[in-house]
Protein backbone atom coordinates (compact mmCIF):
# COMPACT_ATOMS: atom_id res chain seq x y z
CA MET A 1 -105.87 57.69 -38.96
CA ALA A 2 -103.37 55.05 -38.03
CA LEU A 3 -102.39 52.39 -35.56
CA VAL A 4 -100.19 54.24 -33.09
CA THR A 5 -98.12 53.43 -30.04
CA THR A 6 -98.84 54.79 -26.56
CA LYS A 7 -95.72 56.99 -26.44
CA GLU A 8 -97.41 60.24 -27.37
CA MET A 9 -100.61 59.35 -25.49
CA PHE A 10 -98.75 58.73 -22.25
CA ALA A 11 -96.42 61.70 -22.67
CA LYS A 12 -99.49 63.95 -22.80
CA ALA A 13 -101.25 62.19 -19.91
CA LEU A 14 -98.36 61.88 -17.46
CA ASN A 15 -98.91 64.17 -14.48
CA LYS A 16 -101.87 65.84 -16.23
CA ASP A 17 -104.61 64.28 -14.01
CA TYR A 18 -106.14 62.23 -16.79
CA ALA A 19 -105.55 58.72 -18.07
CA VAL A 20 -106.05 56.79 -21.29
CA GLY A 21 -108.71 54.10 -21.23
CA ALA A 22 -107.60 50.64 -22.32
CA PHE A 23 -110.72 48.67 -23.20
CA ASN A 24 -110.73 44.94 -23.85
CA VAL A 25 -112.37 43.80 -27.09
CA ASN A 26 -113.76 40.47 -28.23
CA ASN A 27 -116.17 41.14 -31.10
CA MET A 28 -117.55 43.69 -33.53
CA GLU A 29 -120.23 45.22 -31.30
CA ILE A 30 -117.82 45.82 -28.43
CA ILE A 31 -115.32 47.51 -30.75
CA GLN A 32 -118.02 49.65 -32.37
CA GLY A 33 -119.42 50.81 -29.04
CA ILE A 34 -115.98 51.74 -27.71
CA VAL A 35 -114.74 53.63 -30.77
CA GLU A 36 -118.00 55.55 -31.19
CA ALA A 37 -117.72 56.72 -27.60
CA ALA A 38 -114.07 57.75 -28.02
CA GLN A 39 -114.91 59.57 -31.24
CA GLU A 40 -117.71 61.58 -29.64
CA GLU A 41 -115.59 62.37 -26.56
CA ASN A 42 -112.48 63.18 -28.62
CA ALA A 43 -110.53 60.88 -26.29
CA PRO A 44 -107.32 58.90 -26.83
CA LEU A 45 -107.96 55.20 -27.13
CA ILE A 46 -106.32 51.85 -26.53
CA LEU A 47 -108.07 48.70 -27.70
CA GLN A 48 -106.57 45.67 -26.05
CA VAL A 49 -106.79 42.00 -26.84
CA SER A 50 -106.18 39.21 -24.36
CA ALA A 51 -104.97 35.72 -25.20
CA GLY A 52 -108.52 34.52 -24.63
CA ALA A 53 -109.90 37.07 -27.08
CA ARG A 54 -107.35 36.00 -29.70
CA LYS A 55 -108.44 32.42 -29.27
CA TYR A 56 -112.15 33.27 -29.36
CA ALA A 57 -112.27 35.70 -32.29
CA LYS A 58 -109.01 34.76 -34.07
CA PRO A 59 -106.27 37.36 -34.61
CA ALA A 60 -107.10 38.10 -38.25
CA TYR A 61 -110.70 39.00 -37.44
CA LEU A 62 -109.75 41.25 -34.53
CA THR A 63 -107.07 43.17 -36.40
CA LYS A 64 -109.37 43.70 -39.39
CA LEU A 65 -112.20 44.85 -37.12
CA VAL A 66 -109.87 47.41 -35.55
CA GLU A 67 -108.76 48.48 -39.03
CA ALA A 68 -112.41 48.90 -39.99
CA ALA A 69 -113.02 50.98 -36.86
CA MET A 70 -110.22 53.35 -37.86
CA ILE A 71 -111.62 53.70 -41.37
CA ASP A 72 -115.12 54.31 -40.05
CA THR A 73 -114.18 56.88 -37.38
CA GLY A 74 -110.90 58.36 -38.56
CA LEU A 75 -109.41 57.70 -35.11
CA ASP A 76 -105.81 56.89 -34.28
CA ILE A 77 -105.90 53.75 -32.13
CA CYS A 78 -103.31 51.83 -30.15
CA LEU A 79 -103.77 48.07 -30.57
CA HIS A 80 -102.38 46.38 -27.47
CA LEU A 81 -101.81 42.79 -26.35
CA ASP A 82 -103.08 42.38 -22.80
CA HIS A 83 -101.32 39.88 -20.52
CA GLY A 84 -99.01 38.14 -22.95
CA GLU A 85 -97.57 35.31 -20.92
CA ASP A 86 -94.49 34.45 -23.00
CA PHE A 87 -92.17 35.74 -25.70
CA ASP A 88 -93.90 33.81 -28.50
CA ILE A 89 -97.33 35.43 -28.15
CA CYS A 90 -95.73 38.87 -27.89
CA LYS A 91 -93.70 38.19 -31.04
CA LYS A 92 -96.79 37.00 -32.91
CA CYS A 93 -98.67 40.16 -32.01
CA VAL A 94 -95.75 42.38 -33.01
CA ASP A 95 -95.58 40.53 -36.32
CA ASP A 96 -99.37 40.87 -36.75
CA GLY A 97 -99.20 44.65 -36.54
CA PHE A 98 -99.95 45.36 -32.88
CA THR A 99 -98.40 48.64 -31.77
CA SER A 100 -98.10 47.72 -28.08
CA VAL A 101 -97.65 44.45 -26.21
CA MET A 102 -97.71 43.49 -22.58
CA ILE A 103 -95.41 40.80 -21.30
CA ASP A 104 -96.72 39.57 -17.97
CA GLY A 105 -93.84 37.89 -16.21
CA SER A 106 -95.20 38.70 -12.76
CA LYS A 107 -95.64 35.03 -11.92
CA HIS A 108 -91.88 34.53 -12.26
CA GLU A 109 -89.11 35.37 -9.84
CA PHE A 110 -87.73 38.89 -10.14
CA GLU A 111 -84.64 37.99 -12.19
CA ASP A 112 -86.61 35.73 -14.52
CA ASN A 113 -89.21 38.46 -15.03
CA ILE A 114 -86.41 40.86 -15.97
CA ARG A 115 -84.88 38.38 -18.42
CA LEU A 116 -88.21 37.66 -20.13
CA THR A 117 -89.25 41.30 -20.26
CA LYS A 118 -85.91 42.40 -21.67
CA GLU A 119 -86.17 39.78 -24.41
CA VAL A 120 -89.59 41.09 -25.43
CA VAL A 121 -88.44 44.73 -25.22
CA GLU A 122 -85.50 44.08 -27.54
CA TYR A 123 -87.69 42.43 -30.19
CA ALA A 124 -90.58 44.88 -29.92
CA HIS A 125 -88.44 48.03 -29.94
CA ALA A 126 -86.61 46.77 -33.03
CA HIS A 127 -90.03 46.75 -34.74
CA GLY A 128 -91.23 50.11 -33.42
CA VAL A 129 -93.57 48.57 -30.83
CA VAL A 130 -93.82 49.64 -27.18
CA VAL A 131 -93.88 47.26 -24.22
CA GLU A 132 -95.78 47.15 -20.95
CA ALA A 133 -94.65 44.81 -18.18
CA GLU A 134 -96.00 43.87 -14.76
CA LEU A 135 -94.30 43.73 -11.39
CA GLY A 136 -96.22 42.38 -8.42
CA LYS A 137 -99.24 40.12 -8.64
CA LEU A 138 -102.92 40.99 -8.87
CA ALA A 139 -105.51 38.67 -7.36
CA GLY A 140 -108.29 37.33 -9.55
CA VAL A 141 -108.52 35.72 -12.96
CA GLU A 142 -107.35 37.07 -16.31
CA ASP A 143 -107.96 34.37 -18.93
CA ASN A 144 -105.57 31.55 -17.93
CA ILE A 145 -103.64 33.60 -15.36
CA ASN A 146 -105.10 32.87 -11.94
CA VAL A 147 -103.60 34.38 -8.79
CA ASP A 148 -105.11 33.54 -5.44
CA ALA A 149 -105.68 36.56 -3.19
CA ARG A 150 -103.54 35.00 -0.47
CA SER A 151 -100.51 34.87 -2.75
CA ALA A 152 -101.04 38.31 -4.31
CA THR A 153 -98.12 40.60 -3.64
CA PHE A 154 -97.84 44.34 -3.99
CA THR A 155 -95.16 46.02 -6.10
CA VAL A 156 -92.02 46.99 -4.17
CA PRO A 157 -91.05 50.57 -5.18
CA GLU A 158 -87.28 49.96 -5.19
CA GLU A 159 -87.74 46.84 -7.31
CA ALA A 160 -89.91 48.80 -9.74
CA ALA A 161 -87.10 51.33 -10.28
CA GLU A 162 -84.54 48.59 -10.82
CA PHE A 163 -86.88 46.68 -13.11
CA VAL A 164 -87.50 49.66 -15.39
CA GLU A 165 -83.80 50.55 -15.51
CA ARG A 166 -82.68 47.04 -16.42
CA THR A 167 -85.42 46.16 -18.92
CA GLY A 168 -86.01 49.44 -20.74
CA VAL A 169 -89.74 48.78 -20.59
CA ASP A 170 -92.01 51.64 -21.71
CA SER A 171 -94.73 51.35 -19.04
CA LEU A 172 -95.24 49.35 -15.88
CA ALA A 173 -98.35 47.73 -14.44
CA VAL A 174 -98.19 47.89 -10.65
CA ALA A 175 -100.02 45.94 -7.94
CA ILE A 176 -101.48 48.26 -5.29
CA GLY A 177 -104.67 46.38 -4.37
CA THR A 178 -106.80 46.02 -7.48
CA SER A 179 -107.78 42.61 -8.82
CA HIS A 180 -109.28 41.09 -11.93
CA GLY A 181 -112.90 40.05 -12.33
CA ALA A 182 -116.16 41.23 -10.76
CA TYR A 183 -115.23 40.42 -7.15
CA LYS A 184 -112.34 42.77 -6.46
CA PHE A 185 -112.83 43.24 -2.72
CA LYS A 186 -114.41 41.08 -0.03
CA GLY A 187 -114.61 43.97 2.43
CA THR A 188 -113.90 47.67 2.28
CA PRO A 189 -112.14 48.68 -0.96
CA TYR A 190 -108.51 49.61 -0.40
CA LEU A 191 -105.71 50.81 -2.66
CA ASP A 192 -102.20 51.48 -1.36
CA PHE A 193 -101.75 55.06 -2.56
CA GLU A 194 -98.68 55.56 -0.38
CA ARG A 195 -97.00 52.74 -2.27
CA LEU A 196 -98.13 54.18 -5.60
CA GLU A 197 -96.71 57.59 -4.69
CA ALA A 198 -93.40 56.01 -3.73
CA ILE A 199 -93.20 54.14 -7.04
CA HIS A 200 -94.02 57.26 -9.04
CA LYS A 201 -91.43 59.29 -7.11
CA LEU A 202 -88.68 56.79 -7.96
CA ILE A 203 -89.64 56.47 -11.65
CA PRO A 204 -91.44 59.76 -12.41
CA ASP A 205 -90.99 59.48 -16.17
CA THR A 206 -92.41 55.96 -16.44
CA PRO A 207 -96.14 55.73 -17.20
CA LEU A 208 -97.85 53.45 -14.69
CA VAL A 209 -100.74 51.13 -15.47
CA LEU A 210 -103.68 50.15 -13.30
CA HIS A 211 -105.06 46.70 -14.07
CA GLY A 212 -108.34 45.38 -12.70
CA ALA A 213 -109.80 48.88 -12.62
CA SER A 214 -113.47 48.27 -13.42
CA THR A 215 -115.79 49.95 -10.94
CA VAL A 216 -118.44 47.20 -11.22
CA LEU A 217 -121.29 49.71 -11.01
CA PRO A 218 -124.04 48.31 -8.76
CA GLU A 219 -126.85 49.21 -11.15
CA PHE A 220 -125.46 46.92 -13.84
CA VAL A 221 -124.95 44.07 -11.42
CA ALA A 222 -128.52 44.58 -10.21
CA ARG A 223 -129.84 44.62 -13.77
CA CYS A 224 -128.02 41.39 -14.63
CA ASN A 225 -129.46 39.72 -11.54
CA GLU A 226 -132.94 41.14 -12.13
CA TYR A 227 -133.10 39.47 -15.53
CA GLY A 228 -131.84 36.04 -14.53
CA GLY A 229 -128.18 36.57 -13.67
CA ASN A 230 -126.43 35.19 -10.61
CA ILE A 231 -123.59 37.53 -9.62
CA PRO A 232 -124.40 38.65 -6.07
CA GLY A 233 -121.91 40.62 -4.02
CA ALA A 234 -119.79 41.82 -6.94
CA GLN A 235 -117.67 44.83 -6.00
CA GLY A 236 -115.22 46.95 -7.97
CA VAL A 237 -112.85 49.86 -7.52
CA PRO A 238 -114.67 53.07 -6.49
CA GLU A 239 -114.38 55.76 -9.11
CA GLU A 240 -112.82 58.26 -6.71
CA MET A 241 -109.97 55.81 -6.07
CA ILE A 242 -109.16 55.60 -9.77
CA LEU A 243 -109.22 59.39 -10.02
CA GLU A 244 -106.75 59.54 -7.12
CA ALA A 245 -104.46 56.95 -8.75
CA VAL A 246 -104.33 59.01 -11.92
CA LYS A 247 -102.78 61.85 -9.90
CA HIS A 248 -99.74 59.66 -9.16
CA GLY A 249 -98.41 58.56 -12.51
CA VAL A 250 -101.15 56.19 -13.68
CA CYS A 251 -101.58 56.90 -17.40
CA LYS A 252 -103.41 53.74 -18.49
CA VAL A 253 -106.50 52.29 -16.84
CA ASN A 254 -107.66 48.82 -17.91
CA ILE A 255 -111.40 48.23 -18.18
CA ASP A 256 -113.02 44.93 -19.13
CA THR A 257 -115.49 43.68 -16.50
CA ASP A 258 -117.62 46.84 -16.70
CA LEU A 259 -118.02 46.34 -20.45
CA ARG A 260 -119.09 42.75 -19.94
CA LEU A 261 -121.61 43.74 -17.30
CA ALA A 262 -123.12 46.52 -19.41
CA MET A 263 -123.44 44.29 -22.45
CA THR A 264 -124.79 41.27 -20.60
CA ALA A 265 -127.29 43.31 -18.60
CA GLU A 266 -128.73 44.82 -21.77
CA ILE A 267 -128.92 41.48 -23.60
CA ARG A 268 -130.61 39.83 -20.63
CA ARG A 269 -133.10 42.68 -20.31
CA HIS A 270 -133.96 42.64 -24.00
CA LEU A 271 -134.49 38.91 -24.22
CA VAL A 272 -136.72 38.86 -21.14
CA GLU A 273 -138.79 41.83 -22.30
CA HIS A 274 -138.90 40.68 -25.94
CA PRO A 275 -139.06 36.88 -25.89
CA GLU A 276 -140.25 36.88 -29.48
CA ASP A 277 -136.90 38.21 -30.77
CA PHE A 278 -134.47 35.73 -32.24
CA ASP A 279 -132.60 38.04 -34.62
CA PRO A 280 -129.21 38.74 -32.94
CA ARG A 281 -129.26 42.28 -34.30
CA LYS A 282 -132.30 43.01 -32.14
CA TYR A 283 -130.35 42.48 -28.90
CA LEU A 284 -126.75 43.06 -30.00
CA GLY A 285 -127.63 46.53 -31.26
CA PRO A 286 -128.87 47.73 -27.84
CA ALA A 287 -125.92 45.93 -26.23
CA ARG A 288 -123.56 47.92 -28.45
CA ASP A 289 -125.28 51.12 -27.31
CA ALA A 290 -124.84 50.04 -23.68
CA ILE A 291 -121.11 49.58 -24.31
CA LYS A 292 -120.94 53.07 -25.81
CA ARG A 293 -122.69 54.65 -22.82
CA MET A 294 -120.43 52.81 -20.38
CA VAL A 295 -117.26 53.94 -22.19
CA GLN A 296 -118.49 57.53 -22.36
CA HIS A 297 -119.13 57.41 -18.62
CA LYS A 298 -115.59 56.13 -18.03
CA ILE A 299 -114.00 58.76 -20.27
CA ARG A 300 -115.91 61.63 -18.65
CA ASN A 301 -116.10 60.62 -14.99
CA VAL A 302 -113.24 58.20 -14.31
CA LEU A 303 -110.48 59.03 -16.78
CA ASN A 304 -111.10 62.78 -17.23
CA ALA A 305 -110.03 62.19 -20.82
CA SER A 306 -112.74 64.00 -22.84
CA GLY A 307 -111.22 66.40 -25.34
CA GLN A 308 -107.67 65.11 -24.80
CA ARG A 309 -107.01 63.76 -28.28
């Protein structure tokens, strides 16, 4: 068991019609549910931490929880920084023992994004850490990164090839129509697979990453609303679209919103049905089980990653 990079994971997944799940973590129960699912499914695993999660749980707690998960399960795990917005946070995570970092310079102009990404790549590679970058903008909200749908821009294939060549980045998050949060589409879901194919054709050896890839399963939205929630009209990426994306170079699929929905739905249900409970273990235990079931569903039906470790 060890903290590992994504190099071997992605090398195995590339062009093999399966992807590695990258699940966002914030606390102990979420981590436990995810790793138990990956252990039972014998699936490769990335646990990723956003800037917001670092602020909420504190870096020392999160890294020790991941260390405990490895000891408990015997799994190799990649610990990844999700949406690092500058060099400093990427450096801190490298220094804290993360094995993968994402530098998100997508809000910058092309040349500035290259400069920033290259700076992170040079530092991370010198410490044995891999780097993910982003080109193009996704609509929605990811912690303090907010991109309005009207200003969201898709990744240009030729720019993607140039970007990878000039930065030496290990994987690339591309914008083809997904978005962050629970409201990914206002109308009919659409992903630009033609664009994705073009990108993959130009950089066939570069693992691609799909952000904002939660499916926002209607039953969990309905359960949240049934027990006092207020999230009407939420809509995610259909599972068949993610399966199609995986056929065209996508090796990493980011999942966060679905975990939140599963956990919140179960907590809401428990507290409504058991108003006498005030011990957090009474509702966090079932919530942890809901996380596990959700991750197993993703591994089996969306990522095709069961038995791939």
